[in-house]
Protein backbone atom coordinates (compact mmCIF):
# COMPACT_ATOMS: atom_id res chain seq x y z
CA UNK A 1 -0.02 0.10 -0.04
CA UNK A 2 1.54 3.31 -1.10
CA UNK A 3 1.23 6.47 1.07
CA UNK A 4 -0.03 9.52 -0.85
CA UNK A 5 2.50 12.23 -0.74
CA UNK A 6 1.35 15.71 0.55
CA UNK A 7 2.45 17.31 -2.79
CA UNK A 8 2.48 16.43 -6.42
CA UNK A 9 3.96 17.76 -9.69
CA UNK A 10 1.59 18.68 -12.46
CA UNK A 11 4.17 19.22 -15.18
CA UNK A 12 7.89 19.20 -15.47
CA UNK A 13 7.70 22.72 -16.81
CA UNK A 14 7.16 23.89 -13.22
CA UNK A 15 10.97 23.33 -13.00
CA UNK A 16 11.69 25.39 -16.00
CA UNK A 17 12.76 22.53 -18.49
CA UNK A 18 11.28 20.26 -21.08
CA UNK A 19 11.82 16.59 -20.86
CA UNK A 20 11.36 16.36 -24.66
CA UNK A 21 14.81 15.48 -26.33
CA UNK A 22 16.47 18.32 -28.12
CA UNK A 23 17.55 17.58 -31.57
CA UNK A 24 20.70 19.31 -32.71
CA UNK A 25 20.51 20.88 -36.29
CA UNK A 26 23.02 19.06 -38.70
CA UNK A 27 26.51 20.44 -38.69
CA UNK A 28 26.97 22.94 -41.52
CA UNK A 29 29.25 21.56 -44.28
CA UNK A 30 31.31 24.70 -44.42
CA UNK A 31 31.93 24.45 -40.66
CA UNK A 32 33.16 20.95 -41.10
CA UNK A 33 35.41 21.85 -43.88
CA UNK A 34 36.84 24.87 -41.92
CA UNK A 35 37.62 22.49 -38.89
CA UNK A 36 39.31 19.94 -41.22
CA UNK A 37 41.31 22.73 -42.70
CA UNK A 38 42.32 24.24 -39.45
CA UNK A 39 43.48 20.84 -38.19
CA UNK A 40 45.41 20.12 -41.47
CA UNK A 41 47.15 23.57 -41.13
CA UNK A 42 48.20 22.93 -37.50
CA UNK A 43 49.49 19.56 -38.33
CA UNK A 44 51.41 20.85 -41.30
CA UNK A 45 52.95 23.67 -39.16
CA UNK A 46 54.02 21.10 -36.51
CA UNK A 47 55.61 18.78 -39.18
CA UNK A 48 57.44 21.78 -40.67
CA UNK A 49 58.82 22.75 -37.23
CA UNK A 50 60.00 19.09 -36.79
CA UNK A 51 61.60 19.18 -40.19
CA UNK A 52 63.26 22.46 -39.47
CA UNK A 53 64.45 21.18 -36.10
CA UNK A 54 65.94 18.07 -37.70
CA UNK A 55 67.71 20.03 -40.46
CA UNK A 56 69.11 22.42 -37.83
CA UNK A 57 70.41 19.32 -35.66
CA UNK A 58 71.99 17.71 -38.85
CA UNK A 59 73.89 20.95 -39.70
CA UNK A 60 75.20 21.15 -36.18
CA UNK A 61 76.27 17.46 -36.21
CA UNK A 62 77.90 17.90 -39.56
CA UNK A 63 80.00 20.91 -38.24
CA UNK A 64 81.70 18.52 -35.69
CA UNK A 65 84.07 16.33 -37.58
CA UNK A 66 84.76 13.87 -34.71
CA UNK A 67 82.14 12.74 -32.29
CA UNK A 68 82.87 10.18 -29.36
CA UNK A 69 80.02 8.79 -27.13
CA UNK A 70 80.79 6.90 -23.92
CA UNK A 71 78.31 4.41 -22.41
CA UNK A 72 78.50 1.48 -20.05
CA UNK A 73 77.84 0.98 -16.45
CA UNK A 74 80.86 2.35 -14.53
CA UNK A 75 83.65 4.67 -15.44
CA UNK A 76 81.90 6.81 -18.19
CA UNK A 77 82.91 10.15 -16.69
CA UNK A 78 86.51 9.09 -16.14
CA UNK A 79 86.93 7.74 -19.68
CA UNK A 80 85.19 10.84 -21.23
CA UNK A 81 87.58 13.23 -19.43
CA UNK A 82 90.75 11.08 -20.33
CA UNK A 83 89.79 11.00 -24.04
CA UNK A 84 89.09 14.74 -24.03
CA UNK A 85 92.30 15.49 -22.31
CA UNK A 86 94.29 13.49 -24.59
CA UNK A 87 92.78 15.28 -27.72
CA UNK A 88 93.18 18.54 -26.14
CA UNK A 89 96.85 17.90 -25.52
CA UNK A 90 97.17 16.83 -29.29
CA UNK A 91 95.91 20.28 -30.32
CA UNK A 92 92.14 19.39 -30.94
CA UNK A 93 89.53 21.99 -30.04
CA UNK A 94 87.43 19.65 -28.08
CA UNK A 95 84.28 20.03 -26.04
CA UNK A 96 83.40 17.35 -23.52
CA UNK A 97 80.50 16.58 -21.29
CA UNK A 98 80.02 14.39 -18.34
CA UNK A 99 76.81 13.59 -16.64
CA UNK A 100 77.77 11.36 -13.73
CA UNK A 101 77.94 12.78 -10.22
CA UNK A 102 77.65 16.22 -11.52
CA UNK A 103 76.72 17.38 -15.06
CA UNK A 104 79.81 19.30 -16.40
CA UNK A 105 80.84 20.93 -19.65
CA UNK A 106 84.63 20.72 -20.12
CA UNK A 107 85.45 23.73 -22.53
CA UNK A 108 88.18 23.61 -25.29
CA UNK A 109 90.62 25.58 -22.95
CA UNK A 110 90.04 23.06 -20.26
CA UNK A 111 87.85 25.18 -18.00
CA UNK A 112 84.83 23.33 -16.43
CA UNK A 113 81.29 24.79 -16.38
CA UNK A 114 78.71 22.89 -14.23
CA UNK A 115 75.33 22.51 -16.01
CA UNK A 116 72.34 23.61 -13.89
CA UNK A 117 69.18 21.43 -14.60
CA UNK A 118 65.73 22.57 -14.00
CA UNK A 119 63.91 19.25 -13.14
CA UNK A 120 64.88 15.73 -14.27
CA UNK A 121 67.67 15.07 -16.82
CA UNK A 122 66.43 14.37 -20.26
CA UNK A 123 68.42 13.34 -23.31
CA UNK A 124 67.24 16.41 -25.27
CA UNK A 125 70.00 18.15 -23.15
CA UNK A 126 72.45 16.59 -25.66
CA UNK A 127 71.01 18.87 -28.45
CA UNK A 128 72.18 21.92 -26.45
CA UNK A 129 75.66 20.29 -26.14
CA UNK A 130 75.83 19.82 -29.96
CA UNK A 131 74.73 23.39 -30.57
CA UNK A 132 77.41 24.60 -28.04
CA UNK A 133 80.19 22.58 -29.67
CA UNK A 134 79.26 23.84 -33.20
CA UNK A 135 79.11 27.49 -31.85
CA UNK A 136 82.54 27.17 -30.24
CA UNK A 137 84.02 25.67 -33.38
CA UNK A 138 84.93 22.40 -31.68
CA UNK A 139 86.68 20.00 -33.90
CA UNK A 140 85.87 16.93 -31.49
CA UNK A 141 83.00 16.27 -29.21
CA UNK A 142 83.45 13.63 -26.40
CA UNK A 143 80.01 12.97 -24.59
CA UNK A 144 79.09 10.67 -21.76
CA UNK A 145 75.64 9.14 -22.72
CA UNK A 146 72.81 9.84 -20.38
CA UNK A 147 70.29 7.05 -21.28
CA UNK A 148 69.55 3.82 -19.39
CA UNK A 149 66.60 2.27 -21.16
CA UNK A 150 67.54 0.62 -24.53
CA UNK A 151 64.97 2.62 -26.66
CA UNK A 152 66.46 5.92 -25.26
CA UNK A 153 69.93 4.73 -25.90
CA UNK A 154 69.08 3.99 -29.50
CA UNK A 155 67.47 7.57 -29.86
CA UNK A 156 70.42 9.29 -28.01
CA UNK A 157 73.15 7.59 -30.13
CA UNK A 158 71.39 7.14 -33.60
CA UNK A 159 69.31 10.21 -33.73
CA UNK A 160 71.15 12.83 -31.70
CA UNK A 161 74.91 12.22 -31.25
CA UNK A 162 75.58 9.96 -34.15
CA UNK A 163 79.13 9.23 -32.98
CA UNK A 164 82.00 7.88 -35.16
CA UNK A 165 83.25 6.22 -32.09
CA UNK A 166 81.38 4.39 -29.31
CA UNK A 167 82.87 3.31 -26.12
CA UNK A 168 81.33 0.68 -23.80
CA UNK A 169 83.28 0.93 -20.56
CA UNK A 170 81.77 -2.14 -18.89
CA UNK A 171 78.77 -4.35 -17.99
CA UNK A 172 77.63 -4.41 -14.35
CA UNK A 173 74.58 -5.44 -12.56
CA UNK A 174 72.95 -2.07 -12.04
CA UNK A 175 69.74 -0.30 -13.23
CA UNK A 176 68.33 -3.79 -13.41
CA UNK A 177 64.71 -2.65 -13.56
CA UNK A 178 65.33 -0.69 -16.72
CA UNK A 179 68.19 -2.67 -18.44
CA UNK A 180 67.82 -6.41 -17.39
CA UNK A 181 68.53 -8.66 -14.56
CA UNK A 182 71.48 -10.49 -15.90
CA UNK A 183 74.69 -9.19 -17.57
CA UNK A 184 73.79 -10.66 -21.07
CA UNK A 185 70.50 -8.67 -20.84
CA UNK A 186 72.34 -5.59 -19.83
CA UNK A 187 74.75 -6.04 -22.59
CA UNK A 188 71.90 -6.32 -25.08
CA UNK A 189 70.38 -3.00 -23.80
CA UNK A 190 73.85 -1.32 -24.24
CA UNK A 191 74.10 -2.69 -27.67
CA UNK A 192 71.10 -0.55 -28.68
CA UNK A 193 73.47 2.38 -28.96
CA UNK A 194 75.52 0.74 -31.69
CA UNK A 195 74.90 2.54 -34.99
CA UNK A 196 75.93 1.80 -38.67
CA UNK A 197 79.49 2.29 -39.37
CA UNK A 198 80.68 3.11 -35.90
CA UNK A 199 84.00 1.83 -34.32
CA UNK A 200 82.81 0.26 -31.05
CA UNK A 201 85.57 -0.05 -28.37
CA UNK A 202 84.90 -2.82 -25.75
CA UNK A 203 87.18 -4.08 -22.93
CA UNK A 204 88.38 -7.59 -23.12
CA UNK A 205 86.03 -9.74 -20.71
CA UNK A 206 83.14 -7.48 -21.57
CA UNK A 207 82.63 -8.82 -25.10
CA UNK A 208 79.20 -10.35 -24.86
CA UNK A 209 77.75 -12.10 -27.95
CA UNK A 210 74.91 -9.44 -27.98
CA UNK A 211 77.68 -6.81 -28.82
CA UNK A 212 78.79 -8.95 -31.83
CA UNK A 213 75.29 -9.40 -33.00
CA UNK A 214 74.34 -5.78 -32.64
CA UNK A 215 77.52 -4.60 -34.42
CA UNK A 216 77.12 -7.19 -37.21
CA UNK A 217 73.46 -6.24 -38.00
CA UNK A 218 74.53 -2.66 -38.81
CA UNK A 219 78.09 -3.30 -40.03
CA UNK A 220 79.83 -1.71 -37.12
CA UNK A 221 83.43 -2.66 -36.12
CA UNK A 222 84.10 -4.10 -32.58
CA UNK A 223 87.51 -3.24 -31.37
CA UNK A 224 88.50 -5.23 -28.16
CA UNK A 225 90.88 -3.48 -25.70
CA UNK A 226 93.16 -5.36 -23.25
CA UNK A 227 94.90 -3.81 -20.14
CA UNK A 228 98.16 -2.17 -20.91
CA UNK A 229 99.44 -2.08 -17.36
CA UNK A 230 98.79 1.56 -16.93
CA UNK A 231 99.53 2.87 -13.45
CA UNK A 232 96.03 3.72 -12.43
CA UNK A 233 93.28 2.65 -9.92
CA UNK A 234 91.13 2.07 -12.89
CA UNK A 235 93.49 0.49 -15.42
CA UNK A 236 90.67 -0.51 -17.77
CA UNK A 237 89.48 3.01 -18.14
CA UNK A 238 92.90 4.28 -18.88
CA UNK A 239 93.57 1.40 -21.37
CA UNK A 240 90.32 2.34 -23.26
CA UNK A 241 91.38 5.94 -23.46
CA UNK A 242 94.84 5.05 -24.81
CA UNK A 243 93.39 2.72 -27.28
CA UNK A 244 91.02 5.32 -28.76
CA UNK A 245 93.67 7.92 -28.72
CA UNK A 246 96.00 5.67 -30.61
CA UNK A 247 93.10 4.92 -33.16
CA UNK A 248 92.83 8.67 -33.66
CA UNK A 249 96.52 9.04 -34.26
CA UNK A 250 97.49 10.74 -30.99
CA UNK A 251 100.95 9.40 -29.96
CA UNK A 252 101.06 7.68 -26.62
CA UNK A 253 103.36 10.23 -24.99
CA UNK A 254 101.02 12.93 -25.89
CA UNK A 255 97.91 11.14 -24.69
CA UNK A 256 99.55 10.34 -21.36
CA UNK A 257 100.62 14.01 -20.87
CA UNK A 258 96.93 14.73 -21.44
CA UNK A 259 95.84 12.20 -18.96
CA UNK A 260 98.03 13.79 -16.40
CA UNK A 261 96.27 17.06 -16.92
CA UNK A 262 92.69 15.78 -16.84
CA UNK A 263 90.74 17.10 -13.85
CA UNK A 264 89.11 14.33 -11.64
CA UNK A 265 85.34 13.89 -11.68
CA UNK A 266 83.68 14.92 -8.57
CA UNK A 267 82.64 11.21 -8.09
CA UNK A 268 85.94 9.61 -8.84
CA UNK A 269 87.88 7.53 -6.38
CA UNK A 270 89.50 10.14 -3.93
CA UNK A 271 90.93 10.28 -0.53
CA UNK A 272 91.88 12.92 2.09
CA UNK A 273 93.98 12.99 5.35
CA UNK A 274 92.40 14.66 8.25
CA UNK A 275 93.07 14.86 12.04
CA UNK A 276 89.88 14.11 13.76
CA UNK A 277 88.57 13.37 17.24
CA UNK A 278 89.83 14.48 20.67
CA UNK A 279 92.61 14.15 20.99
CA UNK A 280 93.16 14.45 17.17
CA UNK A 281 94.11 11.29 15.41
CA UNK A 282 94.99 10.66 11.75
CA UNK A 283 92.11 9.41 9.61
CA UNK A 284 91.99 8.55 5.91
CA UNK A 285 88.75 9.43 4.43
CA UNK A 286 88.01 7.62 1.15
CA UNK A 287 85.26 8.38 -1.37
CA UNK A 288 84.17 5.34 -3.30
CA UNK A 289 80.47 6.40 -3.42
CA UNK A 290 80.20 6.59 -7.25
CA UNK A 291 81.21 2.90 -7.67
CA UNK A 292 77.49 2.27 -6.61
CA UNK A 293 76.93 -1.47 -6.75
CA UNK A 294 79.01 -4.27 -4.91
CA UNK A 295 80.95 -5.55 -7.79
CA UNK A 296 82.61 -2.33 -8.94
CA UNK A 297 83.07 -1.32 -5.24
CA UNK A 298 84.84 -4.64 -4.61
CA UNK A 299 87.34 -3.83 -7.38
CA UNK A 300 87.99 -0.42 -5.77
CA UNK A 301 88.42 -1.88 -2.45
CA UNK A 302 90.87 -4.39 -3.74
CA UNK A 303 93.03 -1.48 -5.20
CA UNK A 304 92.66 0.36 -1.99
CA UNK A 305 94.13 -2.56 0.10
CA UNK A 306 96.93 -3.01 -2.65
CA UNK A 307 98.06 0.63 -2.81
CA UNK A 308 97.14 2.40 0.49
CA UNK A 309 99.33 1.34 3.33
CA UNK A 310 96.84 1.33 6.14
CA UNK A 311 99.24 0.20 8.84
CA UNK A 312 97.36 -0.61 12.06
CA UNK A 313 94.37 1.55 11.21
CA UNK A 314 91.08 -0.41 11.03
CA UNK A 315 88.69 -0.20 7.94
CA UNK A 316 85.38 1.48 8.58
CA UNK A 317 82.60 1.30 6.09
CA UNK A 318 79.88 4.02 5.40
CA UNK A 319 76.96 2.88 3.19
CA UNK A 320 74.69 5.65 1.63
CA UNK A 321 71.34 4.30 0.38
CA UNK A 322 69.12 6.29 -2.21
CA UNK A 323 65.44 6.32 -1.98
CA UNK A 324 65.28 5.86 -5.79
CA UNK A 325 67.70 2.99 -5.85
CA UNK A 326 65.88 0.26 -4.12
CA UNK A 327 67.52 -2.40 -6.32
CA UNK A 328 70.96 -1.26 -5.21
CA UNK A 329 69.86 -1.36 -1.60
CA UNK A 330 68.79 -5.04 -2.09
CA UNK A 331 72.16 -5.77 -3.78
CA UNK A 332 74.14 -4.34 -0.94
CA UNK A 333 72.16 -6.17 1.80
CA UNK A 334 72.65 -9.38 -0.06
CA UNK A 335 76.33 -8.68 -0.57
CA UNK A 336 76.80 -7.94 3.26
CA UNK A 337 75.25 -11.36 4.05
CA UNK A 338 77.81 -13.07 1.54
CA UNK A 339 80.68 -11.49 3.46
CA UNK A 340 81.33 -8.42 1.44
CA UNK A 341 82.51 -6.45 4.58
CA UNK A 342 84.86 -9.23 5.98
CA UNK A 343 87.79 -7.23 7.23
CA UNK A 344 85.81 -4.12 8.15
CA UNK A 345 85.65 -3.32 11.86
CA UNK A 346 82.36 -1.53 11.58
CA UNK A 347 79.89 -0.59 8.96
CA UNK A 348 77.44 2.31 9.25
CA UNK A 349 74.39 3.12 7.23
CA UNK A 350 72.94 6.46 6.20
CA UNK A 351 70.37 7.77 3.71
CA UNK A 352 67.13 5.95 2.86
CA UNK A 353 65.73 2.42 2.98
CA UNK A 354 66.21 1.96 6.75
CA UNK A 355 62.88 -0.16 6.68
CA UNK A 356 64.83 -2.49 4.30
CA UNK A 357 67.46 -3.01 6.85
CA UNK A 358 64.91 -3.56 9.59
CA UNK A 359 63.11 -6.22 7.41
CA UNK A 360 66.40 -8.07 6.76
CA UNK A 361 67.27 -7.98 10.36
CA UNK A 362 63.98 -9.44 11.42
CA UNK A 363 64.63 -12.24 8.91
CA UNK A 364 68.06 -13.04 10.38
CA UNK A 365 70.13 -10.88 7.86
CA UNK A 366 71.51 -7.36 7.62
CA UNK A 367 73.46 -7.79 10.90
CA UNK A 368 76.52 -5.62 11.37
CA UNK A 369 75.04 -2.60 9.71
CA UNK A 370 74.54 0.31 12.08
CA UNK A 371 72.14 3.04 11.10
CA UNK A 372 73.20 6.65 11.93
CA UNK A 373 70.88 9.38 13.02
CA UNK A 374 72.93 12.32 11.71
CA UNK A 375 71.32 14.48 9.13
CA UNK A 376 74.35 16.54 7.95
CA UNK A 377 77.83 15.45 6.60
CA UNK A 378 79.48 17.03 9.51
CA UNK A 379 77.29 15.32 12.09
CA UNK A 380 77.67 12.01 10.45
CA UNK A 381 81.39 12.14 10.36
CA UNK A 382 81.58 13.42 13.94
CA UNK A 383 79.40 10.62 15.10
CA UNK A 384 81.54 7.87 13.44
CA UNK A 385 84.82 9.35 14.71
CA UNK A 386 83.26 9.52 18.34
CA UNK A 387 81.95 5.88 18.21
CA UNK A 388 85.28 4.45 16.59
CA UNK A 389 87.93 6.70 18.35
CA UNK A 390 91.48 6.61 17.31
CA UNK A 391 92.92 6.57 13.78
CA UNK A 392 90.90 4.73 11.01
CA UNK A 393 90.28 4.48 7.30
CA UNK A 394 86.65 5.54 6.55
CA UNK A 395 85.42 4.30 3.15
CA UNK A 396 82.21 5.87 1.62
CA UNK A 397 80.24 3.30 -0.43
CA UNK A 398 76.80 2.84 -2.00
CA UNK A 399 75.56 6.10 -3.70
CA UNK A 400 77.00 9.55 -4.18
CA UNK A 401 73.46 11.01 -4.53
CA UNK A 402 72.02 12.75 -1.63
CA UNK A 403 74.12 12.75 1.57
CA UNK A 404 76.92 11.06 -0.34
CA UNK A 405 77.75 14.22 -2.38
CA UNK A 406 77.68 16.25 0.85
CA UNK A 407 80.04 13.96 2.59
CA UNK A 408 82.43 14.25 -0.29
CA UNK A 409 82.33 18.06 -0.14
CA UNK A 410 82.60 18.20 3.50
CA UNK A 411 85.71 15.83 3.42
CA UNK A 412 87.33 18.03 0.86
CA UNK A 413 87.00 20.91 3.16
CA UNK A 414 88.41 19.32 6.33
CA UNK A 415 91.00 17.07 4.76
CA UNK A 416 94.24 17.30 2.75
CA UNK A 417 94.13 15.45 -0.64
CA UNK A 418 95.91 12.14 -0.47
CA UNK A 419 97.38 10.65 -3.54
CA UNK A 420 98.08 6.84 -3.81
């Protein structure tokens, strides 16, 4: 049984509208033609802009007779600097660009100019580098490639830089979400940068079949480089630079003079002596942050143990984790469980992913890593010195981003440069 409402509606018109459907008049044919014409004009204008942009880029590329691009996992900035220094010593007007720990332009006279970025880095940044090189009259351009994903590597190399020489420094397990979870997969991703006719320099021991297949498909030449016994922490990087210099006709003596004049990258392996604590004790502060993942860091530590006479000073580790590098955090925690830090008296943790450490500890792993509460480079250094006491060797590992870079700058201020 329904209850009668105390009110009723006589007509929908009481609300000011009509419930009958409104039939739109057919679109005027001339309006349709005008709409299509406007769309066509806009599309044509856009295509014209793309064509003019492409022509401008091609002109700039043709004005640079020699172009060298450097890709790989580790050592790109170092190799870029070494090649540019050798060419500069040989009389080439050369512009170089590194994008590692800090993006830097190295001008033909050797001066460095840090690039200021607004927002995230994008490969279109390389267009500005080409324009700058052409405007400066550079006869050679040496560029560290920016891309990680294979499709971006292909565009950066084949569409933008179009290098005569491509250098692949090495293959390491890093950026696995973007490049692959095994070394052959990462090698395949790096092979995307190989373009027709290029000379591709690859260290011996890094020659995966994927490189050969990628080179054969575009008729590029693979040149394998062995170590030449150069006196350097990163012999492979220097051997690559020497091989490329010789390929370009630069005598070995001139190339090595150039190497000696090359400025170090901000993230390169560096060390400082500092008197710290109360009473002051001699500490060696070592930056190996830019090695990033455990495999490369292990090579750096092996060289440190070989060349740095530590005496009785214990080895202290400082791991910096980045919030956007969760894969690296997992790698480091796994490496710690496999005994990576055997021989270290203590290992401290700063940066992000403290929750990952807590999860590992609850599962029985991650033991021996001590999180620090300090927020500044000065506070972190002071906290470690206070906890350890006495003379020690403090080695920074993990990531140079975030607090890692601040620690390097702080150690530069408080310490004296130490050469091995």
